[in-house]
Each structure stands twice: as C-alpha cells, then as structure tokens.
Amino acid sequence: MKNVLSSIGVGSATVDTVFPTTSVTAGETIDAEVEIEGGSSKQQVDDVYFALVTRFRQDEGSSNTVVDELQLTDEFTIDPGEERTIPVTIDVPSETPVTMGGGDVWVETGLDIDWALDPSDKDELQVKPGPHLAAFHSALGGLGFDVRTVEIITAEHTPFDPVHGFVQQFEYRPVADRFANRLDELEFVFNPTDDELQVLMEVDRKGDPVTGWMRSDEHSSKFEIETTDENAIAEKVDDIIERFA
C-alpha cells in the first residue's frame, strides 16, 4: 500500500546540490555533488534532473527559460533516512547570461518521485563572462566607458535568433573626456557562441546643450568578434564611434 503522507509530499526524500563555488564562467564546466536523503518511508526515485535556468524580460513581462538540462541518474529506490551522493559535471553554456550588473541565473535540482510532489533545490549562481565578452568589456573600459545597466531581454526585436530566445543588453556610459561631451551612451546587445561574440552596437549621440537639438538619431552596427585581443576590439569599437559620432 502506498504511504498516503508520502503521496502528498510529506516526509519525502530531499535533494541538495553542493557546489565548490557559486561563481562560474560562461562556456566552462563545474563539478558538483547532488546529495539525496531518504524521507520517512522507502520511495522510488524515477529520475534526478538538473536544469540551469534564467529569467528574461519580454514585452508582456518576464519569463523563465532553461539554458541547459540533463538527467543525472537512472531510477532507484531510496530507504528511509538513507543518504546518497551523486557526482555531476555541469556544463555552463557560452550563451548563459552573465550576472554582473543584473540578471538571475540559478540551478534547479529535482527528484521525480513516484506518488509524491516534486521536492527540488534551487541554487543561485554568479556567472562571469566568457573570454570574448570579458575581453570586450575590458576593451570598453580602456576606451573610457563604464557599465550603466545590464538586462536579459527577448531576442524578438533583435537581428539574432538564439535557440533559447534571449540575449543580453549592456548600456555603457562615457566617463573619459574624449567621449563624455559627444555621446550619451553606447548600447550593446550580445549573443555569445562557442566561437565568437555576435554584437549589435548602438551609438547614442549627445544633443546640443544650448538648443537641445539632436544632431542625429541613434545609429547601429552589427558585427562579430572572434578575437580576445582587447586592442583589436577597442580599435573596432572606436572606428564605429568615429563613423557615427
């Protein structure tokens, strides 16, 4: 006979993913351990699953999406109070959004238990940029720009078509004298892949401080970055700025 309390999730087995660090880098892997503890009665665990999840902004609000997922083990039975540890290597795909300046990324680990609610564990991650985006950010700093805002947004209104439907938008403000009087901001939409960084760059020029007249609308340029050479990246961005500003 099924345990009635277990069937409604009372006294069920629990799961916890233990990370050596919650700071990860997009495009790399991290080793972790999934710790499972049996509940008050013997239970069949049909699956242990893992999902890397983020939230992005849409026109009508926000939406959660799975960046990557995997099944950790085949079905097994866990006895009351039994402790079981499963080692796992977690991929952090290149397209995982970074959490600097904004954005949420977390890991959900769950148990698919027969006749029970889904006990799950949620762990927040701090995601650092992969090599191309890290070099791009450093190059912008060298040109005299600081990050103002960072958002994870739908790719619907961009020229990109990522598999998960989101991209990341960065706004940089000029702090160096060379650009402070000419630009309001630079806006970038990034779509990272394993081999390159796809970029949509928008130059927002400053209006006339006396008349308030805007010299031009915003200008945009789409290009790819395949190098981590900060000087080469800075030169490309500088050329685009000079063309439009």
Protein backbone atom coordinates (compact mmCIF):
# COMPACT_ATOMS: atom_id res chain seq x y z
CA MET A 1 0.00 0.00 0.00
CA LYS A 2 1.24 3.48 -0.85
CA ASN A 3 2.19 5.74 2.05
CA VAL A 4 -0.53 8.43 2.00
CA LEU A 5 1.66 11.11 3.56
CA SER A 6 4.42 10.44 1.04
CA SER A 7 1.92 10.68 -1.79
CA ILE A 8 1.25 14.33 -0.89
CA GLY A 9 4.91 15.17 -0.33
CA VAL A 10 5.12 14.87 3.46
CA GLY A 11 8.26 13.08 4.60
CA SER A 12 9.54 12.72 1.05
CA ALA A 13 13.19 12.38 0.10
CA THR A 14 15.10 15.64 -0.27
CA VAL A 15 17.77 16.79 -2.68
CA ASP A 16 20.57 19.36 -2.40
CA THR A 17 23.25 20.26 -4.96
CA VAL A 18 26.53 21.24 -3.33
CA PHE A 19 28.86 23.45 -5.38
CA PRO A 20 32.55 24.05 -4.58
CA THR A 21 31.83 27.65 -5.60
CA THR A 22 28.77 29.54 -6.83
CA SER A 23 30.96 31.66 -9.13
CA VAL A 24 31.17 30.15 -12.62
CA THR A 25 32.28 31.26 -16.08
CA ALA A 26 30.12 31.03 -19.19
CA GLY A 27 31.43 28.36 -21.55
CA GLU A 28 33.12 26.27 -18.85
CA THR A 29 32.12 23.33 -16.63
CA ILE A 30 31.83 22.94 -12.90
CA ASP A 31 31.92 19.79 -10.77
CA ALA A 32 29.28 19.43 -8.07
CA GLU A 33 27.67 16.79 -5.86
CA VAL A 34 23.97 16.03 -5.61
CA GLU A 35 23.10 14.87 -2.10
CA ILE A 36 19.87 12.90 -1.66
CA GLU A 37 18.43 11.96 1.71
CA GLY A 38 15.61 9.46 2.13
CA GLY A 39 12.38 10.52 3.77
CA SER A 40 10.17 8.73 6.27
CA SER A 41 9.41 5.78 4.00
CA LYS A 42 11.01 3.82 1.18
CA GLN A 43 10.48 5.61 -2.14
CA GLN A 44 11.21 5.04 -5.80
CA VAL A 45 13.11 7.87 -7.47
CA ASP A 46 12.33 7.74 -11.18
CA ASP A 47 14.76 10.48 -12.13
CA VAL A 48 17.15 13.07 -10.75
CA TYR A 49 17.19 16.06 -13.04
CA PHE A 50 19.21 19.22 -13.26
CA ALA A 51 18.33 22.49 -15.01
CA LEU A 52 20.26 25.73 -15.47
CA VAL A 53 17.62 28.47 -15.57
CA THR A 54 17.47 32.21 -16.20
CA ARG A 55 14.77 34.87 -16.42
CA PHE A 56 14.46 37.36 -19.28
CA ARG A 57 12.30 40.40 -19.97
CA GLN A 58 9.57 40.32 -22.61
CA ASP A 59 7.08 42.92 -23.80
CA GLU A 60 4.37 41.44 -21.60
CA GLY A 61 6.54 40.80 -18.54
CA SER A 62 9.22 38.25 -17.80
CA SER A 63 9.69 34.57 -18.50
CA ASN A 64 11.88 31.79 -17.14
CA THR A 65 13.76 29.61 -19.59
CA VAL A 66 16.02 26.58 -19.28
CA VAL A 67 19.52 27.23 -20.62
CA ASP A 68 20.64 23.62 -20.20
CA GLU A 69 19.33 20.47 -18.56
CA LEU A 70 20.34 16.87 -18.02
CA GLN A 71 19.26 13.66 -16.36
CA LEU A 72 21.63 12.68 -13.60
CA THR A 73 20.83 9.03 -12.98
CA ASP A 74 18.52 6.11 -13.73
CA GLU A 75 15.67 5.18 -11.40
CA PHE A 76 16.50 3.78 -7.98
CA THR A 77 14.91 3.13 -4.58
CA ILE A 78 15.97 5.08 -1.52
CA ASP A 79 15.35 3.80 2.01
CA PRO A 80 14.16 5.93 4.92
CA GLY A 81 16.99 8.16 6.12
CA GLU A 82 19.42 6.78 3.51
CA GLU A 83 22.00 9.26 2.24
CA ARG A 84 23.24 9.08 -1.33
CA THR A 85 25.72 11.33 -3.16
CA ILE A 86 25.89 11.59 -6.96
CA PRO A 87 28.86 13.42 -8.53
CA VAL A 88 27.95 15.51 -11.57
CA THR A 89 29.74 17.73 -14.07
CA ILE A 90 27.62 20.70 -15.07
CA ASP A 91 28.06 22.50 -18.38
CA VAL A 92 27.64 26.28 -18.27
CA PRO A 93 26.92 27.04 -21.97
CA SER A 94 28.55 30.02 -23.68
CA GLU A 95 25.13 31.66 -24.07
CA THR A 96 24.48 31.65 -20.32
CA PRO A 97 23.85 35.29 -19.36
CA VAL A 98 26.33 36.94 -17.03
CA THR A 99 25.05 38.25 -13.70
CA MET A 100 27.25 41.34 -13.46
CA GLY A 101 25.05 44.40 -13.05
CA GLY A 102 21.81 42.45 -13.18
CA GLY A 103 20.27 39.17 -14.24
CA ASP A 104 19.41 35.97 -12.41
CA VAL A 105 20.81 32.52 -13.12
CA TRP A 106 20.17 29.52 -10.93
CA VAL A 107 20.33 25.75 -10.78
CA GLU A 108 17.25 23.66 -10.07
CA THR A 109 17.79 20.06 -8.97
CA GLY A 110 14.74 17.88 -8.52
CA LEU A 111 13.59 14.38 -7.79
CA ASP A 112 10.89 12.69 -9.81
CA ILE A 113 9.38 10.54 -7.07
CA ASP A 114 6.57 8.07 -7.52
CA TRP A 115 3.38 9.25 -5.79
CA ALA A 116 4.99 12.39 -4.39
CA LEU A 117 5.25 16.08 -5.02
CA ASP A 118 8.43 17.24 -6.70
CA PRO A 119 10.96 18.10 -4.00
CA SER A 120 13.52 20.43 -5.55
CA ASP A 121 16.56 22.50 -4.67
CA LYS A 122 17.38 25.96 -6.05
CA ASP A 123 20.90 27.44 -6.03
CA GLU A 124 21.75 30.93 -7.28
CA LEU A 125 24.90 31.25 -9.42
CA GLN A 126 27.16 34.18 -10.17
CA VAL A 127 28.10 33.90 -13.86
CA LYS A 128 31.22 35.62 -15.14
CA PRO A 129 31.66 36.44 -18.85
CA GLY A 130 33.39 34.05 -21.21
CA PRO A 131 36.67 35.04 -22.90
CA HIS A 132 35.20 37.07 -25.80
CA LEU A 133 32.77 39.06 -23.66
CA ALA A 134 35.36 39.56 -20.92
CA ALA A 135 37.82 40.97 -23.47
CA PHE A 136 35.08 43.18 -24.95
CA HIS A 137 34.21 44.58 -21.53
CA SER A 138 37.88 45.30 -20.76
CA ALA A 139 38.30 46.99 -24.15
CA LEU A 140 35.33 49.29 -23.42
CA GLY A 141 36.85 50.16 -20.07
CA GLY A 142 40.11 51.02 -21.79
CA LEU A 143 38.24 53.37 -24.13
CA GLY A 144 36.71 55.18 -21.16
CA PHE A 145 33.28 53.57 -20.70
CA ASP A 146 31.62 52.14 -17.60
CA VAL A 147 28.68 49.73 -17.48
CA ARG A 148 25.45 51.52 -16.58
CA THR A 149 22.83 48.76 -16.85
CA VAL A 150 22.66 45.09 -17.82
CA GLU A 151 19.46 43.25 -18.79
CA ILE A 152 18.46 39.87 -20.13
CA ILE A 153 15.86 40.53 -22.84
CA THR A 154 13.91 38.68 -25.50
CA ALA A 155 15.72 38.34 -28.83
CA GLU A 156 12.47 39.00 -30.67
CA HIS A 157 13.33 42.59 -31.62
CA THR A 158 16.99 41.94 -32.43
CA PRO A 159 18.73 40.52 -35.52
CA PHE A 160 19.74 37.43 -33.56
CA ASP A 161 17.97 34.07 -33.37
CA PRO A 162 19.40 32.26 -30.33
CA VAL A 163 17.98 28.85 -29.51
CA HIS A 164 16.75 29.91 -26.06
CA GLY A 165 15.11 33.13 -27.23
CA PHE A 166 17.07 35.64 -25.14
CA VAL A 167 20.07 37.94 -25.49
CA GLN A 168 21.81 40.30 -23.08
CA GLN A 169 21.78 44.06 -23.37
CA PHE A 170 24.53 46.27 -21.90
CA GLU A 171 24.47 50.07 -21.65
CA TYR A 172 27.80 51.82 -21.23
CA ARG A 173 28.22 55.48 -20.27
CA PRO A 174 31.25 57.53 -21.31
CA VAL A 175 33.44 58.67 -18.42
CA ALA A 176 36.52 59.75 -20.38
CA ASP A 177 36.69 63.37 -21.58
CA ARG A 178 37.14 62.22 -25.18
CA PHE A 179 33.57 60.89 -25.38
CA ALA A 180 31.71 62.47 -22.46
CA ASN A 181 30.75 65.58 -24.46
CA ARG A 182 29.83 63.67 -27.62
CA LEU A 183 27.89 60.61 -26.51
CA ASP A 184 25.04 59.87 -24.15
CA GLU A 185 25.75 56.16 -24.15
CA LEU A 186 26.73 53.07 -26.08
CA GLU A 187 24.28 50.19 -26.11
CA PHE A 188 25.28 46.64 -26.98
CA VAL A 189 23.23 43.50 -27.49
CA PHE A 190 25.40 40.41 -27.15
CA ASN A 191 24.75 36.90 -28.41
CA PRO A 192 27.71 34.71 -27.36
CA THR A 193 28.52 31.42 -29.07
CA ASP A 194 31.35 28.95 -28.53
CA ASP A 195 33.49 30.55 -31.24
CA GLU A 196 32.56 34.23 -31.31
CA LEU A 197 30.62 37.10 -29.84
CA GLN A 198 27.81 38.43 -32.02
CA VAL A 199 27.29 42.12 -31.35
CA LEU A 200 24.68 44.76 -32.14
CA MET A 201 26.13 48.16 -31.23
CA GLU A 202 24.07 51.35 -30.95
CA VAL A 203 25.66 54.79 -30.67
CA ASP A 204 23.52 57.37 -28.87
CA ARG A 205 24.89 60.82 -29.61
CA LYS A 206 24.52 63.74 -27.24
CA GLY A 207 22.28 66.64 -28.26
CA ASP A 208 23.26 70.31 -28.42
CA PRO A 209 23.40 71.55 -24.79
CA VAL A 210 22.22 75.03 -25.82
CA THR A 211 19.41 74.35 -28.29
CA GLY A 212 18.57 70.81 -27.18
CA TRP A 213 18.66 69.81 -30.86
CA MET A 214 19.70 66.21 -31.53
CA ARG A 215 22.22 66.04 -34.35
CA SER A 216 21.03 62.62 -35.41
CA ASP A 217 19.03 59.60 -34.36
CA GLU A 218 20.75 56.61 -32.83
CA HIS A 219 22.99 54.64 -35.19
CA SER A 220 23.56 50.89 -35.04
CA SER A 221 26.06 48.42 -36.42
CA LYS A 222 26.08 44.61 -36.33
CA PHE A 223 29.35 42.68 -36.31
CA GLU A 224 31.15 39.62 -34.89
CA ILE A 225 34.11 39.43 -32.54
CA GLU A 226 36.28 36.33 -32.98
CA THR A 227 39.31 37.55 -31.01
CA THR A 228 40.12 38.13 -27.36
CA ASP A 229 42.68 40.80 -28.28
CA GLU A 230 41.47 43.84 -26.32
CA ASN A 231 43.38 46.28 -28.53
CA ALA A 232 41.78 44.90 -31.69
CA ILE A 233 38.32 45.06 -30.12
CA ALA A 234 38.89 48.62 -28.89
CA GLU A 235 40.04 49.68 -32.35
CA LYS A 236 36.90 48.27 -33.99
CA VAL A 237 34.56 49.94 -31.49
CA ASP A 238 36.48 53.21 -31.77
CA ASP A 239 36.15 53.15 -35.56
CA ILE A 240 32.38 52.72 -35.31
CA ILE A 241 32.09 55.54 -32.79
CA GLU A 242 34.06 57.90 -35.02
CA ARG A 243 31.92 56.95 -38.01
CA PHE A 244 28.67 57.79 -36.26
CA ALA A 245 29.65 60.41 -33.67
